[in-house]
Structure formats: C-alpha cells, structure tokens
PDB file of N, CA and C in Angstrom:
ATOM      1  N   UNK A   1     151.417  91.408  92.008  1.00  0.00           N
ATOM      2  CA  UNK A   1     151.967  90.456  92.775  1.00  0.00           C
ATOM      3  C   UNK A   1     153.708  90.605  92.095  1.00  0.00           C
ATOM      4  N   UNK A   2     154.329  90.353  93.027  1.00  0.00           N
ATOM      5  CA  UNK A   2     156.141  90.782  92.553  1.00  0.00           C
ATOM      6  C   UNK A   2     156.359  90.344  90.940  1.00  0.00           C
ATOM      7  N   UNK A   3     157.029  90.357  90.143  1.00  0.00           N
ATOM      8  CA  UNK A   3     157.627  89.658  89.206  1.00  0.00           C
ATOM      9  C   UNK A   3     157.798  88.433  89.178  1.00  0.00           C
ATOM     10  N   UNK A   4     158.756  88.163  90.203  1.00  0.00           N
ATOM     11  CA  UNK A   4     159.544  87.173  90.406  1.00  0.00           C
ATOM     12  C   UNK A   4     158.274  85.865  90.951  1.00  0.00           C
ATOM     13  N   UNK A   5     157.466  86.512  91.890  1.00  0.00           N
ATOM     14  CA  UNK A   5     156.413  85.344  92.050  1.00  0.00           C
ATOM     15  C   UNK A   5     155.318  84.890  90.951  1.00  0.00           C
ATOM     16  N   UNK A   6     154.930  85.822  90.194  1.00  0.00           N
ATOM     17  CA  UNK A   6     154.396  85.635  88.900  1.00  0.00           C
ATOM     18  C   UNK A   6     154.872  84.876  88.004  1.00  0.00           C
ATOM     19  N   UNK A   7     156.333  84.872  88.034  1.00  0.00           N
ATOM     20  CA  UNK A   7     157.211  83.557  87.036  1.00  0.00           C
ATOM     21  C   UNK A   7     157.010  82.605  87.438  1.00  0.00           C
ATOM     22  N   UNK A   8     157.108  82.194  89.102  1.00  0.00           N
ATOM     23  CA  UNK A   8     157.273  81.097  89.623  1.00  0.00           C
ATOM     24  C   UNK A   8     155.793  80.457  89.697  1.00  0.00           C
ATOM     25  N   UNK A   9     154.724  81.181  89.470  1.00  0.00           N
ATOM     26  CA  UNK A   9     153.316  80.623  89.595  1.00  0.00           C
ATOM     27  C   UNK A   9     152.947  80.542  88.060  1.00  0.00           C
ATOM     28  N   UNK A  10     153.644  80.919  86.881  1.00  0.00           N
ATOM     29  CA  UNK A  10     153.533  80.654  86.044  1.00  0.00           C
ATOM     30  C   UNK A  10     154.087  79.488  85.496  1.00  0.00           C
ATOM     31  N   UNK A  11     155.621  79.276  85.887  1.00  0.00           N
ATOM     32  CA  UNK A  11     155.895  77.750  86.116  1.00  0.00           C
ATOM     33  C   UNK A  11     155.455  76.562  86.982  1.00  0.00           C
ATOM     34  N   UNK A  12     154.454  76.921  87.757  1.00  0.00           N
ATOM     35  CA  UNK A  12     153.831  76.054  88.317  1.00  0.00           C
ATOM     36  C   UNK A  12     152.515  75.576  87.491  1.00  0.00           C
ATOM     37  N   UNK A  13     151.736  76.873  86.619  1.00  0.00           N
ATOM     38  CA  UNK A  13     150.621  76.605  86.047  1.00  0.00           C
ATOM     39  C   UNK A  13     150.912  75.703  84.769  1.00  0.00           C
ATOM     40  N   UNK A  14     152.317  76.045  84.431  1.00  0.00           N
ATOM     41  CA  UNK A  14     152.888  75.121  83.282  1.00  0.00           C
ATOM     42  C   UNK A  14     153.221  73.486  83.211  1.00  0.00           C
ATOM     43  N   UNK A  15     153.676  73.490  84.533  1.00  0.00           N
ATOM     44  CA  UNK A  15     153.823  72.039  84.923  1.00  0.00           C
ATOM     45  C   UNK A  15     152.587  71.502  85.632  1.00  0.00           C
ATOM     46  N   UNK A  16     151.550  71.934  85.969  1.00  0.00           N
ATOM     47  CA  UNK A  16     150.129  71.284  85.984  1.00  0.00           C
ATOM     48  C   UNK A  16     149.576  71.121  84.682  1.00  0.00           C
ATOM     49  N   UNK A  17     149.667  72.016  83.907  1.00  0.00           N
ATOM     50  CA  UNK A  17     148.880  71.763  82.569  1.00  0.00           C
ATOM     51  C   UNK A  17     149.512  71.044  81.507  1.00  0.00           C
ATOM     52  N   UNK A  18     150.760  70.624  81.527  1.00  0.00           N
ATOM     53  CA  UNK A  18     151.502  70.165  80.455  1.00  0.00           C
ATOM     54  C   UNK A  18     151.209  68.799  80.401  1.00  0.00           C
ATOM     55  N   UNK A  19     150.791  67.800  81.421  1.00  0.00           N
ATOM     56  CA  UNK A  19     150.454  66.536  81.121  1.00  0.00           C
ATOM     57  C   UNK A  19     148.754  66.468  80.483  1.00  0.00           C
ATOM     58  N   UNK A  20     148.180  67.650  80.401  1.00  0.00           N
ATOM     59  CA  UNK A  20     146.883  67.722  79.921  1.00  0.00           C
ATOM     60  C   UNK A  20     146.952  68.902  78.619  1.00  0.00           C
ATOM     61  N   UNK A  21     148.101  68.927  78.230  1.00  0.00           N
ATOM     62  CA  UNK A  21     147.750  69.878  77.058  1.00  0.00           C
ATOM     63  C   UNK A  21     147.341  70.127  75.792  1.00  0.00           C
ATOM     64  N   UNK A  22     146.467  68.159  75.774  1.00  0.00           N
ATOM     65  CA  UNK A  22     145.557  68.164  74.735  1.00  0.00           C
ATOM     66  C   UNK A  22     144.226  68.954  74.930  1.00  0.00           C
ATOM     67  N   UNK A  23     144.033  69.003  76.432  1.00  0.00           N
ATOM     68  CA  UNK A  23     142.671  69.657  76.879  1.00  0.00           C
ATOM     69  C   UNK A  23     142.568  70.739  77.042  1.00  0.00           C
ATOM     70  N   UNK A  24     143.959  71.469  77.470  1.00  0.00           N
ATOM     71  CA  UNK A  24     143.924  72.575  78.168  1.00  0.00           C
ATOM     72  C   UNK A  24     144.828  73.463  77.567  1.00  0.00           C
ATOM     73  N   UNK A  25     144.582  75.186  77.500  1.00  0.00           N
ATOM     74  CA  UNK A  25     145.990  75.778  77.113  1.00  0.00           C
ATOM     75  C   UNK A  25     146.154  76.810  78.085  1.00  0.00           C
ATOM     76  N   UNK A  26     147.300  77.375  78.216  1.00  0.00           N
ATOM     77  CA  UNK A  26     147.462  78.372  79.119  1.00  0.00           C
ATOM     78  C   UNK A  26     147.525  79.728  78.354  1.00  0.00           C
ATOM     79  N   UNK A  27     146.930  80.665  78.623  1.00  0.00           N
ATOM     80  CA  UNK A  27     147.034  82.368  78.000  1.00  0.00           C
ATOM     81  C   UNK A  27     147.390  83.202  78.895  1.00  0.00           C
ATOM     82  N   UNK A  28     148.187  83.897  78.425  1.00  0.00           N
ATOM     83  CA  UNK A  28     148.959  85.033  79.567  1.00  0.00           C
ATOM     84  C   UNK A  28     148.232  86.204  78.941  1.00  0.00           C
ATOM     85  N   UNK A  29     148.070  87.495  79.607  1.00  0.00           N
ATOM     86  CA  UNK A  29     147.715  88.712  79.579  1.00  0.00           C
ATOM     87  C   UNK A  29     148.068  89.387  80.623  1.00  0.00           C
ATOM     88  N   UNK A  30     147.577  91.059  80.678  1.00  0.00           N
ATOM     89  CA  UNK A  30     148.312  91.826  81.631  1.00  0.00           C
ATOM     90  C   UNK A  30     147.703  91.481  83.111  1.00  0.00           C
ATOM     91  N   UNK A  31     148.697  91.009  83.889  1.00  0.00           N
ATOM     92  CA  UNK A  31     148.357  90.510  85.447  1.00  0.00           C
ATOM     93  C   UNK A  31     147.199  89.121  85.205  1.00  0.00           C
ATOM     94  N   UNK A  32     147.149  88.676  84.348  1.00  0.00           N
ATOM     95  CA  UNK A  32     145.848  87.466  84.030  1.00  0.00           C
ATOM     96  C   UNK A  32     146.960  86.313  83.746  1.00  0.00           C
ATOM     97  N   UNK A  33     146.396  84.909  84.255  1.00  0.00           N
ATOM     98  CA  UNK A  33     146.910  83.842  83.333  1.00  0.00           C
ATOM     99  C   UNK A  33     145.545  83.028  83.376  1.00  0.00           C
ATOM    100  N   UNK A  34     145.044  82.734  82.200  1.00  0.00           N
ATOM    101  CA  UNK A  34     143.854  82.429  81.798  1.00  0.00           C
ATOM    102  C   UNK A  34     144.117  80.689  81.456  1.00  0.00           C
ATOM    103  N   UNK A  35     143.417  79.965  82.375  1.00  0.00           N
ATOM    104  CA  UNK A  35     143.784  78.383  81.828  1.00  0.00           C
ATOM    105  C   UNK A  35     142.253  78.094  80.905  1.00  0.00           C
ATOM    106  N   UNK A  36     142.511  77.854  79.768  1.00  0.00           N
ATOM    107  CA  UNK A  36     141.256  77.905  79.273  1.00  0.00           C
ATOM    108  C   UNK A  36     141.216  76.441  78.266  1.00  0.00           C
ATOM    109  N   UNK A  37     139.902  75.773  78.298  1.00  0.00           N
ATOM    110  CA  UNK A  37     139.619  74.242  77.546  1.00  0.00           C
ATOM    111  C   UNK A  37     139.982  74.450  76.008  1.00  0.00           C
ATOM    112  N   UNK A  38     140.721  73.586  75.464  1.00  0.00           N
ATOM    113  CA  UNK A  38     140.434  73.544  74.138  1.00  0.00           C
ATOM    114  C   UNK A  38     139.364  73.030  73.495  1.00  0.00           C
ATOM    115  N   UNK A  39     138.435  73.990  73.297  1.00  0.00           N
ATOM    116  CA  UNK A  39     137.120  73.622  72.696  1.00  0.00           C
ATOM    117  C   UNK A  39     137.087  74.543  71.487  1.00  0.00           C
ATOM    118  N   UNK A  40     136.044  74.664  70.777  1.00  0.00           N
ATOM    119  CA  UNK A  40     135.531  75.478  69.846  1.00  0.00           C
ATOM    120  C   UNK A  40     134.808  76.609  70.064  1.00  0.00           C
ATOM    121  N   UNK A  41     135.156  77.191  71.122  1.00  0.00           N
ATOM    122  CA  UNK A  41     134.114  78.307  71.670  1.00  0.00           C
ATOM    123  C   UNK A  41     135.297  79.367  72.429  1.00  0.00           C
ATOM    124  N   UNK A  42     134.670  80.273  72.758  1.00  0.00           N
ATOM    125  CA  UNK A  42     135.375  81.162  73.402  1.00  0.00           C
ATOM    126  C   UNK A  42     134.851  82.509  74.086  1.00  0.00           C
ATOM    127  N   UNK A  43     135.123  83.167  74.961  1.00  0.00           N
ATOM    128  CA  UNK A  43     134.195  84.206  76.094  1.00  0.00           C
ATOM    129  C   UNK A  43     133.374  84.823  75.339  1.00  0.00           C
ATOM    130  N   UNK A  44     133.516  85.254  73.838  1.00  0.00           N
ATOM    131  CA  UNK A  44     132.216  86.114  72.929  1.00  0.00           C
ATOM    132  C   UNK A  44     131.116  85.009  72.592  1.00  0.00           C
ATOM    133  N   UNK A  45     131.618  83.911  72.392  1.00  0.00           N
ATOM    134  CA  UNK A  45     130.823  82.970  71.662  1.00  0.00           C
ATOM    135  C   UNK A  45     129.921  82.421  73.248  1.00  0.00           C
ATOM    136  N   UNK A  46     130.718  82.486  74.261  1.00  0.00           N
ATOM    137  CA  UNK A  46     129.758  82.296  75.552  1.00  0.00           C
ATOM    138  C   UNK A  46     129.112  83.355  76.102  1.00  0.00           C
ATOM    139  N   UNK A  47     129.349  84.383  75.818  1.00  0.00           N
ATOM    140  CA  UNK A  47     128.190  85.647  76.134  1.00  0.00           C
ATOM    141  C   UNK A  47     127.018  85.369  74.832  1.00  0.00           C
ATOM    142  N   UNK A  48     127.403  85.041  73.883  1.00  0.00           N
ATOM    143  CA  UNK A  48     126.087  84.843  72.878  1.00  0.00           C
ATOM    144  C   UNK A  48     125.469  83.554  73.454  1.00  0.00           C
ATOM    145  N   UNK A  49     125.813  82.458  73.768  1.00  0.00           N
ATOM    146  CA  UNK A  49     125.141  81.269  74.172  1.00  0.00           C
ATOM    147  C   UNK A  49     124.595  81.806  75.386  1.00  0.00           C
ATOM    148  N   UNK A  50     124.886  82.658  76.170  1.00  0.00           N
ATOM    149  CA  UNK A  50     124.367  83.271  77.675  1.00  0.00           C
ATOM    150  C   UNK A  50     123.138  83.791  77.167  1.00  0.00           C
ATOM    151  N   UNK A  51     123.234  84.843  76.387  1.00  0.00           N
ATOM    152  CA  UNK A  51     121.977  85.699  75.625  1.00  0.00           C
ATOM    153  C   UNK A  51     121.000  84.600  75.167  1.00  0.00           C
ATOM    154  N   UNK A  52     121.581  83.752  74.506  1.00  0.00           N
ATOM    155  CA  UNK A  52     120.296  82.689  73.455  1.00  0.00           C
ATOM    156  C   UNK A  52     119.643  81.745  74.383  1.00  0.00           C
ATOM    157  N   UNK A  53     120.281  81.537  75.658  1.00  0.00           N
ATOM    158  CA  UNK A  53     119.481  80.800  76.691  1.00  0.00           C
ATOM    159  C   UNK A  53     118.394  81.900  77.576  1.00  0.00           C
ATOM    160  N   UNK A  54     118.892  83.201  77.829  1.00  0.00           N
ATOM    161  CA  UNK A  54     118.148  83.818  78.319  1.00  0.00           C
ATOM    162  C   UNK A  54     117.034  84.688  77.874  1.00  0.00           C
ATOM    163  N   UNK A  55     117.238  85.278  76.876  1.00  0.00           N
ATOM    164  CA  UNK A  55     116.363  85.653  76.089  1.00  0.00           C
ATOM    165  C   UNK A  55     114.851  85.175  76.223  1.00  0.00           C
ATOM    166  N   UNK A  56     114.637  84.031  75.551  1.00  0.00           N
ATOM    167  CA  UNK A  56     113.361  83.329  75.636  1.00  0.00           C
ATOM    168  C   UNK A  56     112.585  83.300  77.173  1.00  0.00           C
ATOM    169  N   UNK A  57     113.628  83.554  77.924  1.00  0.00           N
ATOM    170  CA  UNK A  57     113.062  83.234  79.532  1.00  0.00           C
ATOM    171  C   UNK A  57     112.477  84.599  80.426  1.00  0.00           C
ATOM    172  N   UNK A  58     112.760  86.009  79.683  1.00  0.00           N
ATOM    173  CA  UNK A  58     112.537  87.199  80.079  1.00  0.00           C
ATOM    174  C   UNK A  58     111.666  88.085  79.220  1.00  0.00           C
ATOM    175  N   UNK A  59     110.897  88.969  79.931  1.00  0.00           N
ATOM    176  CA  UNK A  59     109.513  89.262  79.278  1.00  0.00           C
ATOM    177  C   UNK A  59     110.284  90.428  78.485  1.00  0.00           C
ATOM    178  N   UNK A  60     111.248  91.140  78.453  1.00  0.00           N
ATOM    179  CA  UNK A  60     111.596  92.200  77.772  1.00  0.00           C
ATOM    180  C   UNK A  60     113.078  91.713  77.220  1.00  0.00           C
ATOM    181  N   UNK A  61     113.707  92.833  76.123  1.00  0.00           N
ATOM    182  CA  UNK A  61     114.710  92.645  75.527  1.00  0.00           C
ATOM    183  C   UNK A  61     115.935  92.340  76.493  1.00  0.00           C
ATOM    184  N   UNK A  62     116.978  91.673  75.882  1.00  0.00           N
ATOM    185  CA  UNK A  62     118.057  91.655  76.548  1.00  0.00           C
ATOM    186  C   UNK A  62     119.369  92.235  76.024  1.00  0.00           C
ATOM    187  N   UNK A  63     120.110  93.085  76.664  1.00  0.00           N
ATOM    188  CA  UNK A  63     121.260  93.515  75.946  1.00  0.00           C
ATOM    189  C   UNK A  63     122.493  93.022  76.744  1.00  0.00           C
ATOM    190  N   UNK A  64     123.744  93.002  75.839  1.00  0.00           N
ATOM    191  CA  UNK A  64     124.918  91.960  76.427  1.00  0.00           C
ATOM    192  C   UNK A  64     126.056  93.671  76.454  1.00  0.00           C
ATOM    193  N   UNK A  65     126.573  93.497  77.271  1.00  0.00           N
ATOM    194  CA  UNK A  65     127.875  94.747  77.895  1.00  0.00           C
ATOM    195  C   UNK A  65     128.597  93.558  78.206  1.00  0.00           C
ATOM    196  N   UNK A  66     130.104  93.934  77.288  1.00  0.00           N
ATOM    197  CA  UNK A  66     130.672  93.026  77.663  1.00  0.00           C
ATOM    198  C   UNK A  66     132.295  94.097  77.787  1.00  0.00           C
ATOM    199  N   UNK A  67     132.748  94.088  79.119  1.00  0.00           N
ATOM    200  CA  UNK A  67     134.062  95.222  79.400  1.00  0.00           C
ATOM    201  C   UNK A  67     135.331  94.403  79.704  1.00  0.00           C
ATOM    202  N   UNK A  68     136.196  94.832  79.093  1.00  0.00           N
ATOM    203  CA  UNK A  68     137.460  93.964  79.401  1.00  0.00           C
ATOM    204  C   UNK A  68     138.395  95.100  79.406  1.00  0.00           C
ATOM    205  N   UNK A  69     139.766  94.746  80.031  1.00  0.00           N
ATOM    206  CA  UNK A  69     140.634  95.424  80.114  1.00  0.00           C
ATOM    207  C   UNK A  69     142.307  94.778  79.909  1.00  0.00           C
ATOM    208  N   UNK A  70     142.294  93.652  78.873  1.00  0.00           N
ATOM    209  CA  UNK A  70     143.254  93.038  78.888  1.00  0.00           C
ATOM    210  C   UNK A  70     143.015  92.623  77.069  1.00  0.00           C
ATOM    211  N   UNK A  71     144.360  92.256  76.453  1.00  0.00           N
ATOM    212  CA  UNK A  71     144.155  91.656  75.592  1.00  0.00           C
ATOM    213  C   UNK A  71     143.410  90.427  75.104  1.00  0.00           C
ATOM    214  N   UNK A  72     143.437  89.471  76.630  1.00  0.00           N
ATOM    215  CA  UNK A  72     142.651  88.317  76.392  1.00  0.00           C
ATOM    216  C   UNK A  72     141.365  88.629  75.887  1.00  0.00           C
ATOM    217  N   UNK A  73     140.867  89.845  76.248  1.00  0.00           N
ATOM    218  CA  UNK A  73     139.416  90.172  75.781  1.00  0.00           C
ATOM    219  C   UNK A  73     138.980  90.501  74.361  1.00  0.00           C
ATOM    220  N   UNK A  74     140.263  90.764  73.926  1.00  0.00           N
ATOM    221  CA  UNK A  74     140.036  91.222  72.405  1.00  0.00           C
ATOM    222  C   UNK A  74     139.260  90.074  71.495  1.00  0.00           C
ATOM    223  N   UNK A  75     139.508  88.690  71.579  1.00  0.00           N
ATOM    224  CA  UNK A  75     138.483  88.029  70.655  1.00  0.00           C
ATOM    225  C   UNK A  75     137.173  88.298  71.161  1.00  0.00           C
ATOM    226  N   UNK A  76     136.824  88.154  72.337  1.00  0.00           N
ATOM    227  CA  UNK A  76     135.403  88.628  72.527  1.00  0.00           C
ATOM    228  C   UNK A  76     135.046  89.657  72.028  1.00  0.00           C
ATOM    229  N   UNK A  77     135.411  90.805  72.070  1.00  0.00           N
ATOM    230  CA  UNK A  77     135.300  92.098  71.460  1.00  0.00           C
ATOM    231  C   UNK A  77     135.305  91.915  70.069  1.00  0.00           C
ATOM    232  N   UNK A  78     135.856  90.999  69.242  1.00  0.00           N
ATOM    233  CA  UNK A  78     135.691  90.858  68.161  1.00  0.00           C
ATOM    234  C   UNK A  78     134.475  90.035  67.485  1.00  0.00           C
ATOM    235  N   UNK A  79     134.348  88.864  68.462  1.00  0.00           N
ATOM    236  CA  UNK A  79     132.973  88.018  68.306  1.00  0.00           C
ATOM    237  C   UNK A  79     131.648  88.804  68.521  1.00  0.00           C
ATOM    238  N   UNK A  80     131.936  89.602  69.594  1.00  0.00           N
ATOM    239  CA  UNK A  80     130.405  90.539  69.909  1.00  0.00           C
ATOM    240  C   UNK A  80     130.170  91.665  69.047  1.00  0.00           C
ATOM    241  N   UNK A  81     131.200  91.917  68.316  1.00  0.00           N
ATOM    242  CA  UNK A  81     131.003  93.328  67.393  1.00  0.00           C
ATOM    243  C   UNK A  81     129.747  92.920  66.578  1.00  0.00           C
ATOM    244  N   UNK A  82     128.835  94.356  66.865  1.00  0.00           N
ATOM    245  CA  UNK A  82     127.412  94.089  66.163  1.00  0.00           C
ATOM    246  C   UNK A  82     126.327  93.534  66.963  1.00  0.00           C
ATOM    247  N   UNK A  83     126.989  92.686  67.879  1.00  0.00           N
ATOM    248  CA  UNK A  83     125.867  91.769  68.951  1.00  0.00           C
ATOM    249  C   UNK A  83     125.748  92.325  70.396  1.00  0.00           C
ATOM    250  N   UNK A  84     126.603  92.960  70.535  1.00  0.00           N
ATOM    251  CA  UNK A  84     126.931  93.701  71.916  1.00  0.00           C
ATOM    252  C   UNK A  84     127.665  94.914  72.246  1.00  0.00           C
ATOM    253  N   UNK A  85     127.269  95.438  73.379  1.00  0.00           N
ATOM    254  CA  UNK A  85     127.943  96.737  73.588  1.00  0.00           C
ATOM    255  C   UNK A  85     129.512  96.334  73.991  1.00  0.00           C
ATOM    256  N   UNK A  86     130.551  96.635  72.992  1.00  0.00           N
ATOM    257  CA  UNK A  86     131.898  96.258  73.920  1.00  0.00           C
ATOM    258  C   UNK A  86     132.676  97.517  74.493  1.00  0.00           C
ATOM    259  N   UNK A  87     133.484  97.300  75.434  1.00  0.00           N
ATOM    260  CA  UNK A  87     134.017  98.695  75.962  1.00  0.00           C
ATOM    261  C   UNK A  87     135.498  98.127  76.577  1.00  0.00           C
ATOM    262  N   UNK A  88     136.210  98.696  76.099  1.00  0.00           N
ATOM    263  CA  UNK A  88     137.680  98.265  76.401  1.00  0.00           C
ATOM    264  C   UNK A  88     138.364  99.345  77.739  1.00  0.00           C
ATOM    265  N   UNK A  89     138.485  98.870  78.659  1.00  0.00           N
ATOM    266  CA  UNK A  89     138.631  99.711  79.903  1.00  0.00           C
ATOM    267  C   UNK A  89     140.223  99.955  80.222  1.00  0.00           C
ATOM    268  N   UNK A  90     140.672 101.190  80.019  1.00  0.00           N
ATOM    269  CA  UNK A  90     142.071 101.505  80.596  1.00  0.00           C
ATOM    270  C   UNK A  90     142.783 102.066  79.295  1.00  0.00           C
ATOM    271  N   UNK A  91     143.927 102.178  79.466  1.00  0.00           N
ATOM    272  CA  UNK A  91     144.883 102.326  78.673  1.00  0.00           C
ATOM    273  C   UNK A  91     145.136 100.911  77.994  1.00  0.00           C
ATOM    274  N   UNK A  92     145.979 101.162  76.625  1.00  0.00           N
ATOM    275  CA  UNK A  92     145.973  99.400  76.272  1.00  0.00           C
ATOM    276  C   UNK A  92     146.262 100.159  74.723  1.00  0.00           C
ATOM    277  N   UNK A  93     146.398  99.234  73.554  1.00  0.00           N
ATOM    278  CA  UNK A  93     146.590  99.342  72.129  1.00  0.00           C
ATOM    279  C   UNK A  93     145.590 100.174  71.752  1.00  0.00           C
ATOM    280  N   UNK A  94     146.278 101.220  70.913  1.00  0.00           N
ATOM    281  CA  UNK A  94     145.340 102.222  70.528  1.00  0.00           C
ATOM    282  C   UNK A  94     144.115 101.839  69.361  1.00  0.00           C
ATOM    283  N   UNK A  95     144.499 100.180  68.983  1.00  0.00           N
ATOM    284  CA  UNK A  95     143.513  99.475  68.076  1.00  0.00           C
ATOM    285  C   UNK A  95     142.714  98.642  69.041  1.00  0.00           C
ATOM    286  N   UNK A  96     141.482  98.615  68.779  1.00  0.00           N
ATOM    287  CA  UNK A  96     140.667  97.440  70.067  1.00  0.00           C
ATOM    288  C   UNK A  96     139.593  97.477  69.141  1.00  0.00           C
ATOM    289  N   UNK A  97     139.395  96.191  69.165  1.00  0.00           N
ATOM    290  CA  UNK A  97     137.821  95.526  68.566  1.00  0.00           C
ATOM    291  C   UNK A  97     136.758  95.954  69.312  1.00  0.00           C
ATOM    292  N   UNK A  98     136.785  96.543  70.459  1.00  0.00           N
ATOM    293  CA  UNK A  98     136.104  97.127  71.029  1.00  0.00           C
ATOM    294  C   UNK A  98     135.292  98.210  70.343  1.00  0.00           C
ATOM    295  N   UNK A  99     134.033  98.571  70.518  1.00  0.00           N
ATOM    296  CA  UNK A  99     133.562  99.880  70.282  1.00  0.00           C
ATOM    297  C   UNK A  99     133.453 100.902  71.067  1.00  0.00           C
ATOM    298  N   UNK A 100     133.732 100.969  72.388  1.00  0.00           N
ATOM    299  CA  UNK A 100     133.829 102.051  73.166  1.00  0.00           C
ATOM    300  C   UNK A 100     135.205 101.801  73.708  1.00  0.00           C
ATOM    301  N   UNK A 101     135.500 102.990  74.837  1.00  0.00           N
ATOM    302  CA  UNK A 101     136.562 102.516  75.445  1.00  0.00           C
ATOM    303  C   UNK A 101     136.247 103.756  76.920  1.00  0.00           C
ATOM    304  N   UNK A 102     136.642 103.140  78.138  1.00  0.00           N
ATOM    305  CA  UNK A 102     136.281 103.851  79.316  1.00  0.00           C
ATOM    306  C   UNK A 102     137.966 104.051  79.891  1.00  0.00           C
ATOM    307  N   UNK A 103     138.390 105.355  80.167  1.00  0.00           N
ATOM    308  CA  UNK A 103     139.526 105.004  80.679  1.00  0.00           C
ATOM    309  C   UNK A 103     139.951 104.400  82.017  1.00  0.00           C
ATOM    310  N   UNK A 104     139.041 104.177  82.853  1.00  0.00           N
ATOM    311  CA  UNK A 104     139.341 103.452  84.262  1.00  0.00           C
ATOM    312  C   UNK A 104     138.447 102.724  85.005  1.00  0.00           C
ATOM    313  N   UNK A 105     138.594 102.183  85.617  1.00  0.00           N
ATOM    314  CA  UNK A 105     137.622 101.296  86.595  1.00  0.00           C
ATOM    315  C   UNK A 105     136.667 101.998  87.459  1.00  0.00           C
ATOM    316  N   UNK A 106     137.030 103.257  87.664  1.00  0.00           N
ATOM    317  CA  UNK A 106     135.799 104.137  88.519  1.00  0.00           C
ATOM    318  C   UNK A 106     134.894 104.965  87.212  1.00  0.00           C
ATOM    319  N   UNK A 107     135.429 104.854  86.016  1.00  0.00           N
ATOM    320  CA  UNK A 107     134.221 105.074  85.220  1.00  0.00           C
ATOM    321  C   UNK A 107     133.493 104.143  84.783  1.00  0.00           C
ATOM    322  N   UNK A 108     133.964 102.835  84.687  1.00  0.00           N
ATOM    323  CA  UNK A 108     133.168 101.440  84.695  1.00  0.00           C
ATOM    324  C   UNK A 108     132.131 101.531  86.037  1.00  0.00           C
ATOM    325  N   UNK A 109     132.607 102.158  87.337  1.00  0.00           N
ATOM    326  CA  UNK A 109     131.594 101.779  88.227  1.00  0.00           C
ATOM    327  C   UNK A 109     130.477 103.191  88.124  1.00  0.00           C
ATOM    328  N   UNK A 110     130.962 104.054  87.651  1.00  0.00           N
ATOM    329  CA  UNK A 110     129.719 105.066  86.837  1.00  0.00           C
ATOM    330  C   UNK A 110     129.008 104.655  85.938  1.00  0.00           C
ATOM    331  N   UNK A 111     129.465 104.228  85.116  1.00  0.00           N
ATOM    332  CA  UNK A 111     128.503 103.639  84.058  1.00  0.00           C
ATOM    333  C   UNK A 111     127.684 102.813  84.870  1.00  0.00           C
ATOM    334  N   UNK A 112     128.140 101.476  84.897  1.00  0.00           N
ATOM    335  CA  UNK A 112     127.253 100.654  85.722  1.00  0.00           C
ATOM    336  C   UNK A 112     125.967 101.286  86.619  1.00  0.00           C
ATOM    337  N   UNK A 113     126.359 102.533  87.484  1.00  0.00           N
ATOM    338  CA  UNK A 113     125.542 102.488  88.415  1.00  0.00           C
ATOM    339  C   UNK A 113     124.264 103.550  87.433  1.00  0.00           C
ATOM    340  N   UNK A 114     124.998 104.157  86.389  1.00  0.00           N
ATOM    341  CA  UNK A 114     123.950 104.989  85.652  1.00  0.00           C
ATOM    342  C   UNK A 114     122.790 103.832  84.740  1.00  0.00           C
ATOM    343  N   UNK A 115     123.262 102.574  84.573  1.00  0.00           N
ATOM    344  CA  UNK A 115     122.459 101.590  83.865  1.00  0.00           C
ATOM    345  C   UNK A 115     121.606 101.218  84.724  1.00  0.00           C
ATOM    346  N   UNK A 116     122.222 101.132  86.209  1.00  0.00           N
ATOM    347  CA  UNK A 116     121.158 100.155  87.248  1.00  0.00           C
ATOM    348  C   UNK A 116     120.071 101.700  87.479  1.00  0.00           C
ATOM    349  N   UNK A 117     120.454 102.627  87.629  1.00  0.00           N
ATOM    350  CA  UNK A 117     119.418 103.754  88.081  1.00  0.00           C
ATOM    351  C   UNK A 117     118.324 103.852  86.632  1.00  0.00           C
ATOM    352  N   UNK A 118     118.724 103.859  85.343  1.00  0.00           N
ATOM    353  CA  UNK A 118     118.009 103.440  84.346  1.00  0.00           C
ATOM    354  C   UNK A 118     116.740 102.415  84.449  1.00  0.00           C
ATOM    355  N   UNK A 119     117.580 101.448  84.546  1.00  0.00           N
ATOM    356  CA  UNK A 119     116.506 100.065  85.042  1.00  0.00           C
ATOM    357  C   UNK A 119     115.680 100.239  85.998  1.00  0.00           C
ATOM    358  N   UNK A 120     116.230 100.962  87.219  1.00  0.00           N
ATOM    359  CA  UNK A 120     115.254 100.942  88.244  1.00  0.00           C
ATOM    360  C   UNK A 120     114.146 102.042  88.041  1.00  0.00           C
ATOM    361  N   UNK A 121     114.298 102.830  86.882  1.00  0.00           N
ATOM    362  CA  UNK A 121     113.634 104.051  86.694  1.00  0.00           C
ATOM    363  C   UNK A 121     112.638 103.507  85.547  1.00  0.00           C
ATOM    364  N   UNK A 122     112.764 102.131  85.075  1.00  0.00           N
ATOM    365  CA  UNK A 122     111.853 101.816  84.149  1.00  0.00           C
ATOM    366  C   UNK A 122     110.579 100.866  84.815  1.00  0.00           C
ATOM    367  N   UNK A 123     110.966 100.463  86.315  1.00  0.00           N
ATOM    368  CA  UNK A 123     110.174  99.730  87.044  1.00  0.00           C
ATOM    369  C   UNK A 123     109.118 100.290  87.131  1.00  0.00           C
TER     370      UNK A 123
END
C-alpha cells in the first residue's frame, strides 16, 4: 500500500476508534495496524489460553509454535518464552524475545512442510 493511502487509512481508523478509546486501542506495526480491545491479556496469553483448552481434548502432547515478523509480535514472544517455540521471521531488530529466527517467508513454508511431514510420519 502506498504511504499516502496508509496514512489516510490510519486517520480513518483513528476517527472510528476515538469515541471508543476506553475500549479499543490502535497499535501500529510494520505494514499492520492492529485494533485491540483494552483487556488484561495479549496475543501470547491468548496462545496459552488456547493451549490450555486444547490439551485436555487431545490424546497426545500439544506444542505451540508462534511465528511473527513485526514488533507487534514481541509481546507474544516474551509471554511465550519457555512455554512455546517462538520464531522471529525476517530482518528486524537484532534483539528479539523470540528464541529462533528465520530469514524469510519461504523458510517458514519449508519449516511448516517439514513439521507436517513429521506429523504424517507418526500416524
């Protein structure tokens, strides 16, 4: 999206959210605008909540893999530290709360394909 179009979109989001500031917040990232509820949890805690609901319903262990390419993912990387496999995708800050790093999306595809093959092989 062109920078001018993105700026217009951000202004529009601000207008829509402004009357609801007490319930919503706007968080800008790299090529992303997140509209988030003002609640006491975040993406990382949401991942843990999903894990806690799924684990009792499946016959084997569940692993969480969280991958992200934006500064908006750093909170989740931090919350999930030691509780999930976290992967920062692409170039970005040299410091990241993610445990691992992949250089680009094609590498994400290769990783997911390898994991899928592993799971199929166990059946």
